[in-house]
Amino acid sequence: MDESEFEAHYGHLDDDELLRLWADRNTLVPEATIALENELQRRGLNKHKATQVKERLAVLAARQVKGSLASQIAAVDYERSMRHFVGWEEPKFYSPYGSRDIRTTFASIRHRYGVWKTFRNHTGHWPVFSVWFHFLSYAVILGLALAGFSWVARTHQSGWNFVAAIVCVLALLGARELGARLMRKLDWRRCSK
């Protein structure tokens, strides 16, 4: 490439990109360095600020990779609570993804396994009641939901039956959460003796 091609390319870059390139001018070919210097003079940019601009852009890029400060703090709190929880109280689940993201489901599964593994590390035993209740309760809720919706479909009654079936499923999910808490307490009593 000749100097005019470099000048055309540098003409499309913004001021920060030009200053970042100037900070790394030792890696450029001589024609590119000359074209870059001409563009900086044309725009009236201060070359002495090139290192500061490069460092600021590096910090911004690193921050963008890590995510927002609030999500970084939430992730650190979650990791700390996973390492240090003792007893039947389970640490709150945290997902860096949105609630409608499929990755949240996988993060939830990892969280559940992490809680069971941490329980085993603290007590020397797996939380058997919690593990069995977790899988069996979802199977029971799924079976009851299918039975309820098939009953609503067979009877062809009013839309209130469909609403009642949904309310029953939500009530079962709430009862499942209470049962999970009870199973954690039973596991902790069994293993803390």
C-alpha atoms as a PDB file:
ATOM      1  CA  MET A   1       0.000   0.000   0.000  1.00  0.00           C
ATOM      2  CA  ASP A   2       1.232   3.492  -0.695  1.00  0.00           C
ATOM      3  CA  GLU A   3       0.872   6.604   1.449  1.00  0.00           C
ATOM      4  CA  SER A   4      -2.305   7.844  -0.280  1.00  0.00           C
ATOM      5  CA  GLU A   5      -4.136   4.583   0.512  1.00  0.00           C
ATOM      6  CA  PHE A   6      -3.142   4.885   4.160  1.00  0.00           C
ATOM      7  CA  GLU A   7      -4.341   8.514   4.203  1.00  0.00           C
ATOM      8  CA  ALA A   8      -7.700   7.471   2.737  1.00  0.00           C
ATOM      9  CA  HIS A   9      -8.043   4.735   5.378  1.00  0.00           C
ATOM     10  CA  TYR A  10      -7.059   7.033   8.260  1.00  0.00           C
ATOM     11  CA  GLY A  11      -9.528   9.640   7.029  1.00  0.00           C
ATOM     12  CA  HIS A  12     -12.393   7.297   7.975  1.00  0.00           C
ATOM     13  CA  LEU A  13     -11.171   6.597  11.526  1.00  0.00           C
ATOM     14  CA  ASP A  14     -12.257   8.614  14.523  1.00  0.00           C
ATOM     15  CA  ASP A  15      -9.872  10.655  16.685  1.00  0.00           C
ATOM     16  CA  ASP A  16      -9.463   8.038  19.436  1.00  0.00           C
ATOM     17  CA  GLU A  17      -8.596   5.304  16.937  1.00  0.00           C
ATOM     18  CA  LEU A  18      -5.991   7.546  15.329  1.00  0.00           C
ATOM     19  CA  LEU A  19      -4.403   8.352  18.681  1.00  0.00           C
ATOM     20  CA  ARG A  20      -4.404   4.664  19.649  1.00  0.00           C
ATOM     21  CA  LEU A  21      -2.613   3.898  16.381  1.00  0.00           C
ATOM     22  CA  TRP A  22      -0.120   6.667  17.096  1.00  0.00           C
ATOM     23  CA  ALA A  23       0.681   5.055  20.440  1.00  0.00           C
ATOM     24  CA  ASP A  24       1.509   1.862  18.509  1.00  0.00           C
ATOM     25  CA  ARG A  25       3.285   3.608  15.620  1.00  0.00           C
ATOM     26  CA  ASN A  26       6.396   1.440  16.089  1.00  0.00           C
ATOM     27  CA  THR A  27       4.460  -1.493  14.623  1.00  0.00           C
ATOM     28  CA  LEU A  28       3.485   0.400  11.450  1.00  0.00           C
ATOM     29  CA  VAL A  29       5.319   0.535   8.149  1.00  0.00           C
ATOM     30  CA  PRO A  30       7.007   3.901   7.387  1.00  0.00           C
ATOM     31  CA  GLU A  31       4.371   4.934   4.807  1.00  0.00           C
ATOM     32  CA  ALA A  32       1.579   4.305   7.308  1.00  0.00           C
ATOM     33  CA  THR A  33       3.389   6.283  10.008  1.00  0.00           C
ATOM     34  CA  ILE A  34       3.819   9.278   7.690  1.00  0.00           C
ATOM     35  CA  ALA A  35       0.158   9.156   6.612  1.00  0.00           C
ATOM     36  CA  LEU A  36      -0.958   8.852  10.235  1.00  0.00           C
ATOM     37  CA  GLU A  37       1.156  11.832  11.289  1.00  0.00           C
ATOM     38  CA  ASN A  38      -0.278  13.904   8.432  1.00  0.00           C
ATOM     39  CA  GLU A  39      -3.857  12.993   9.449  1.00  0.00           C
ATOM     40  CA  LEU A  40      -3.155  13.882  13.096  1.00  0.00           C
ATOM     41  CA  GLN A  41      -1.745  17.280  12.040  1.00  0.00           C
ATOM     42  CA  ARG A  42      -4.683  17.891   9.711  1.00  0.00           C
ATOM     43  CA  ARG A  43      -7.156  17.287  12.549  1.00  0.00           C
ATOM     44  CA  GLY A  44      -5.038  19.191  15.081  1.00  0.00           C
ATOM     45  CA  LEU A  45      -4.838  16.256  17.533  1.00  0.00           C
ATOM     46  CA  ASN A  46      -2.346  16.252  20.390  1.00  0.00           C
ATOM     47  CA  LYS A  47       0.038  13.309  19.878  1.00  0.00           C
ATOM     48  CA  HIS A  48       1.154  13.416  23.512  1.00  0.00           C
ATOM     49  CA  LYS A  49      -2.262  12.140  24.632  1.00  0.00           C
ATOM     50  CA  ALA A  50      -1.970   9.000  22.486  1.00  0.00           C
ATOM     51  CA  THR A  51      -0.811   6.772  25.361  1.00  0.00           C
ATOM     52  CA  GLN A  52      -3.618   7.993  27.618  1.00  0.00           C
ATOM     53  CA  VAL A  53      -6.206   7.356  24.904  1.00  0.00           C
ATOM     54  CA  LYS A  54      -4.808   3.865  24.292  1.00  0.00           C
ATOM     55  CA  GLU A  55      -5.002   3.022  28.018  1.00  0.00           C
ATOM     56  CA  ARG A  56      -8.543   4.423  28.281  1.00  0.00           C
ATOM     57  CA  LEU A  57      -9.697   2.373  25.282  1.00  0.00           C
ATOM     58  CA  ALA A  58      -8.096  -0.756  26.764  1.00  0.00           C
ATOM     59  CA  VAL A  59      -9.939  -0.184  30.055  1.00  0.00           C
ATOM     60  CA  LEU A  60     -13.233   0.336  28.221  1.00  0.00           C
ATOM     61  CA  ALA A  61     -12.715  -2.832  26.164  1.00  0.00           C
ATOM     62  CA  ALA A  62     -11.935  -4.864  29.295  1.00  0.00           C
ATOM     63  CA  ARG A  63     -14.980  -3.439  31.051  1.00  0.00           C
ATOM     64  CA  GLN A  64     -17.201  -4.285  28.090  1.00  0.00           C
ATOM     65  CA  VAL A  65     -15.967  -7.889  28.115  1.00  0.00           C
ATOM     66  CA  LYS A  66     -16.700  -8.255  31.835  1.00  0.00           C
ATOM     67  CA  GLY A  67     -20.146  -6.670  31.627  1.00  0.00           C
ATOM     68  CA  SER A  68     -21.673  -3.922  33.732  1.00  0.00           C
ATOM     69  CA  LEU A  69     -20.404  -3.165  37.217  1.00  0.00           C
ATOM     70  CA  ALA A  70     -23.720  -4.257  38.745  1.00  0.00           C
ATOM     71  CA  SER A  71     -23.543  -7.667  37.053  1.00  0.00           C
ATOM     72  CA  GLN A  72     -19.901  -8.082  38.149  1.00  0.00           C
ATOM     73  CA  ILE A  73     -20.859  -7.349  41.776  1.00  0.00           C
ATOM     74  CA  ALA A  74     -23.805  -9.754  41.601  1.00  0.00           C
ATOM     75  CA  ALA A  75     -21.551 -12.490  40.181  1.00  0.00           C
ATOM     76  CA  VAL A  76     -18.970 -11.990  42.941  1.00  0.00           C
ATOM     77  CA  ASP A  77     -21.688 -12.073  45.635  1.00  0.00           C
ATOM     78  CA  TYR A  78     -23.089 -15.260  44.131  1.00  0.00           C
ATOM     79  CA  GLU A  79     -19.667 -16.966  44.068  1.00  0.00           C
ATOM     80  CA  ARG A  80     -19.006 -15.933  47.677  1.00  0.00           C
ATOM     81  CA  SER A  81     -22.374 -17.215  48.866  1.00  0.00           C
ATOM     82  CA  MET A  82     -21.831 -20.523  47.030  1.00  0.00           C
ATOM     83  CA  ARG A  83     -18.460 -21.026  48.721  1.00  0.00           C
ATOM     84  CA  HIS A  84     -19.491 -20.045  52.219  1.00  0.00           C
ATOM     85  CA  PHE A  85     -23.064 -21.196  52.747  1.00  0.00           C
ATOM     86  CA  VAL A  86     -23.554 -23.635  55.603  1.00  0.00           C
ATOM     87  CA  GLY A  87     -26.790 -25.168  56.725  1.00  0.00           C
ATOM     88  CA  TRP A  88     -30.083 -25.735  55.058  1.00  0.00           C
ATOM     89  CA  GLU A  89     -30.352 -22.174  53.693  1.00  0.00           C
ATOM     90  CA  GLU A  90     -29.603 -22.325  49.992  1.00  0.00           C
ATOM     91  CA  PRO A  91     -27.833 -19.395  48.326  1.00  0.00           C
ATOM     92  CA  LYS A  92     -29.934 -17.381  45.903  1.00  0.00           C
ATOM     93  CA  PHE A  93     -29.634 -18.264  42.259  1.00  0.00           C
ATOM     94  CA  TYR A  94     -27.991 -15.657  40.048  1.00  0.00           C
ATOM     95  CA  SER A  95     -27.808 -15.740  36.265  1.00  0.00           C
ATOM     96  CA  PRO A  96     -25.839 -13.247  34.197  1.00  0.00           C
ATOM     97  CA  TYR A  97     -28.276 -13.845  31.336  1.00  0.00           C
ATOM     98  CA  GLY A  98     -31.794 -12.519  30.925  1.00  0.00           C
ATOM     99  CA  SER A  99     -34.779 -14.392  32.307  1.00  0.00           C
ATOM    100  CA  ARG A 100     -35.900 -15.384  28.794  1.00  0.00           C
ATOM    101  CA  ASP A 101     -32.480 -16.667  27.740  1.00  0.00           C
ATOM    102  CA  ILE A 102     -32.100 -20.451  27.409  1.00  0.00           C
ATOM    103  CA  ARG A 103     -28.675 -20.160  29.025  1.00  0.00           C
ATOM    104  CA  THR A 104     -30.456 -19.259  32.277  1.00  0.00           C
ATOM    105  CA  THR A 105     -31.886 -22.799  32.364  1.00  0.00           C
ATOM    106  CA  PHE A 106     -28.422 -24.310  32.075  1.00  0.00           C
ATOM    107  CA  ALA A 107     -27.088 -21.883  34.694  1.00  0.00           C
ATOM    108  CA  SER A 108     -29.920 -22.993  36.989  1.00  0.00           C
ATOM    109  CA  ILE A 109     -28.966 -26.648  36.540  1.00  0.00           C
ATOM    110  CA  ARG A 110     -25.311 -25.831  37.298  1.00  0.00           C
ATOM    111  CA  HIS A 111     -26.437 -23.881  40.355  1.00  0.00           C
ATOM    112  CA  ARG A 112     -28.504 -26.793  41.650  1.00  0.00           C
ATOM    113  CA  TYR A 113     -25.613 -29.241  41.197  1.00  0.00           C
ATOM    114  CA  GLY A 114     -23.204 -26.747  42.796  1.00  0.00           C
ATOM    115  CA  VAL A 115     -25.448 -26.462  45.857  1.00  0.00           C
ATOM    116  CA  TRP A 116     -25.603 -30.247  46.225  1.00  0.00           C
ATOM    117  CA  LYS A 117     -21.853 -30.576  45.770  1.00  0.00           C
ATOM    118  CA  THR A 118     -21.136 -27.830  48.310  1.00  0.00           C
ATOM    119  CA  PHE A 119     -23.492 -29.550  50.753  1.00  0.00           C
ATOM    120  CA  ARG A 120     -21.497 -32.750  50.271  1.00  0.00           C
ATOM    121  CA  ASN A 121     -18.217 -30.890  50.807  1.00  0.00           C
ATOM    122  CA  HIS A 122     -19.534 -29.437  54.071  1.00  0.00           C
ATOM    123  CA  THR A 123     -21.107 -32.596  55.477  1.00  0.00           C
ATOM    124  CA  GLY A 124     -19.451 -35.507  53.689  1.00  0.00           C
ATOM    125  CA  HIS A 125     -22.846 -36.736  52.405  1.00  0.00           C
ATOM    126  CA  TRP A 126     -24.959 -35.960  49.364  1.00  0.00           C
ATOM    127  CA  PRO A 127     -28.353 -34.342  50.126  1.00  0.00           C
ATOM    128  CA  VAL A 128     -30.300 -37.455  49.176  1.00  0.00           C
ATOM    129  CA  PHE A 129     -33.759 -36.174  50.148  1.00  0.00           C
ATOM    130  CA  SER A 130     -33.281 -32.952  48.182  1.00  0.00           C
ATOM    131  CA  VAL A 131     -31.989 -34.736  45.084  1.00  0.00           C
ATOM    132  CA  TRP A 132     -34.826 -37.258  45.006  1.00  0.00           C
ATOM    133  CA  PHE A 133     -37.462 -34.638  45.767  1.00  0.00           C
ATOM    134  CA  HIS A 134     -36.117 -32.377  43.022  1.00  0.00           C
ATOM    135  CA  PHE A 135     -36.552 -34.946  40.272  1.00  0.00           C
ATOM    136  CA  LEU A 136     -39.691 -36.652  41.560  1.00  0.00           C
ATOM    137  CA  SER A 137     -41.556 -33.398  42.220  1.00  0.00           C
ATOM    138  CA  TYR A 138     -41.061 -32.170  38.666  1.00  0.00           C
ATOM    139  CA  ALA A 139     -42.204 -35.548  37.322  1.00  0.00           C
ATOM    140  CA  VAL A 140     -45.333 -35.431  39.500  1.00  0.00           C
ATOM    141  CA  ILE A 141     -46.134 -31.834  38.527  1.00  0.00           C
ATOM    142  CA  LEU A 142     -45.665 -32.632  34.849  1.00  0.00           C
ATOM    143  CA  GLY A 143     -47.923 -35.690  35.131  1.00  0.00           C
ATOM    144  CA  LEU A 144     -50.635 -33.787  37.015  1.00  0.00           C
ATOM    145  CA  ALA A 145     -50.456 -30.870  34.571  1.00  0.00           C
ATOM    146  CA  LEU A 146     -50.848 -33.193  31.590  1.00  0.00           C
ATOM    147  CA  ALA A 147     -53.746 -34.983  33.270  1.00  0.00           C
ATOM    148  CA  GLY A 148     -55.448 -31.685  34.137  1.00  0.00           C
ATOM    149  CA  PHE A 149     -55.078 -30.209  30.660  1.00  0.00           C
ATOM    150  CA  SER A 150     -56.223 -33.416  28.994  1.00  0.00           C
ATOM    151  CA  TRP A 151     -59.290 -33.422  31.285  1.00  0.00           C
ATOM    152  CA  VAL A 152     -60.020 -29.809  30.271  1.00  0.00           C
ATOM    153  CA  ALA A 153     -59.621 -30.730  26.587  1.00  0.00           C
ATOM    154  CA  ARG A 154     -61.950 -33.758  26.912  1.00  0.00           C
ATOM    155  CA  THR A 155     -64.736 -31.974  28.768  1.00  0.00           C
ATOM    156  CA  HIS A 156     -64.843 -28.949  26.430  1.00  0.00           C
ATOM    157  CA  GLN A 157     -66.323 -26.836  29.179  1.00  0.00           C
ATOM    158  CA  SER A 158     -65.836 -23.125  29.728  1.00  0.00           C
ATOM    159  CA  GLY A 159     -62.492 -21.324  29.660  1.00  0.00           C
ATOM    160  CA  TRP A 160     -62.593 -21.178  33.443  1.00  0.00           C
ATOM    161  CA  ASN A 161     -61.569 -24.830  33.611  1.00  0.00           C
ATOM    162  CA  PHE A 162     -58.430 -23.984  31.669  1.00  0.00           C
ATOM    163  CA  VAL A 163     -57.695 -21.084  34.062  1.00  0.00           C
ATOM    164  CA  ALA A 164     -58.334 -23.383  37.025  1.00  0.00           C
ATOM    165  CA  ALA A 165     -55.856 -25.930  35.613  1.00  0.00           C
ATOM    166  CA  ILE A 166     -53.193 -23.223  35.258  1.00  0.00           C
ATOM    167  CA  VAL A 167     -53.834 -21.992  38.810  1.00  0.00           C
ATOM    168  CA  CYS A 168     -53.498 -25.564  40.090  1.00  0.00           C
ATOM    169  CA  VAL A 169     -50.160 -25.991  38.317  1.00  0.00           C
ATOM    170  CA  LEU A 170     -48.895 -22.711  39.799  1.00  0.00           C
ATOM    171  CA  ALA A 171     -50.065 -23.805  43.250  1.00  0.00           C
ATOM    172  CA  LEU A 172     -48.210 -27.107  42.795  1.00  0.00           C
ATOM    173  CA  LEU A 173     -45.031 -25.222  41.858  1.00  0.00           C
ATOM    174  CA  GLY A 174     -45.371 -23.122  45.016  1.00  0.00           C
ATOM    175  CA  ALA A 175     -45.947 -26.239  47.116  1.00  0.00           C
ATOM    176  CA  ARG A 176     -42.918 -27.795  45.428  1.00  0.00           C
ATOM    177  CA  GLU A 177     -40.746 -24.907  46.647  1.00  0.00           C
ATOM    178  CA  LEU A 178     -41.978 -25.383  50.210  1.00  0.00           C
ATOM    179  CA  GLY A 179     -41.320 -29.119  49.927  1.00  0.00           C
ATOM    180  CA  ALA A 180     -37.797 -28.464  48.639  1.00  0.00           C
ATOM    181  CA  ARG A 181     -37.097 -26.287  51.668  1.00  0.00           C
ATOM    182  CA  LEU A 182     -38.383 -29.035  53.972  1.00  0.00           C
ATOM    183  CA  MET A 183     -36.172 -31.614  52.231  1.00  0.00           C
ATOM    184  CA  ARG A 184     -33.109 -29.379  52.676  1.00  0.00           C
ATOM    185  CA  LYS A 185     -33.886 -29.163  56.400  1.00  0.00           C
ATOM    186  CA  LEU A 186     -34.244 -32.955  56.597  1.00  0.00           C
ATOM    187  CA  ASP A 187     -30.953 -33.466  54.788  1.00  0.00           C
ATOM    188  CA  TRP A 188     -29.200 -31.050  57.097  1.00  0.00           C
ATOM    189  CA  ARG A 189     -30.604 -32.733  60.220  1.00  0.00           C
ATOM    190  CA  ARG A 190     -29.645 -36.161  58.900  1.00  0.00           C
ATOM    191  CA  CYS A 191     -26.086 -35.147  58.057  1.00  0.00           C
ATOM    192  CA  SER A 192     -25.292 -32.797  60.940  1.00  0.00           C
ATOM    193  CA  LYS A 193     -25.698 -35.460  63.624  1.00  0.00           C
END
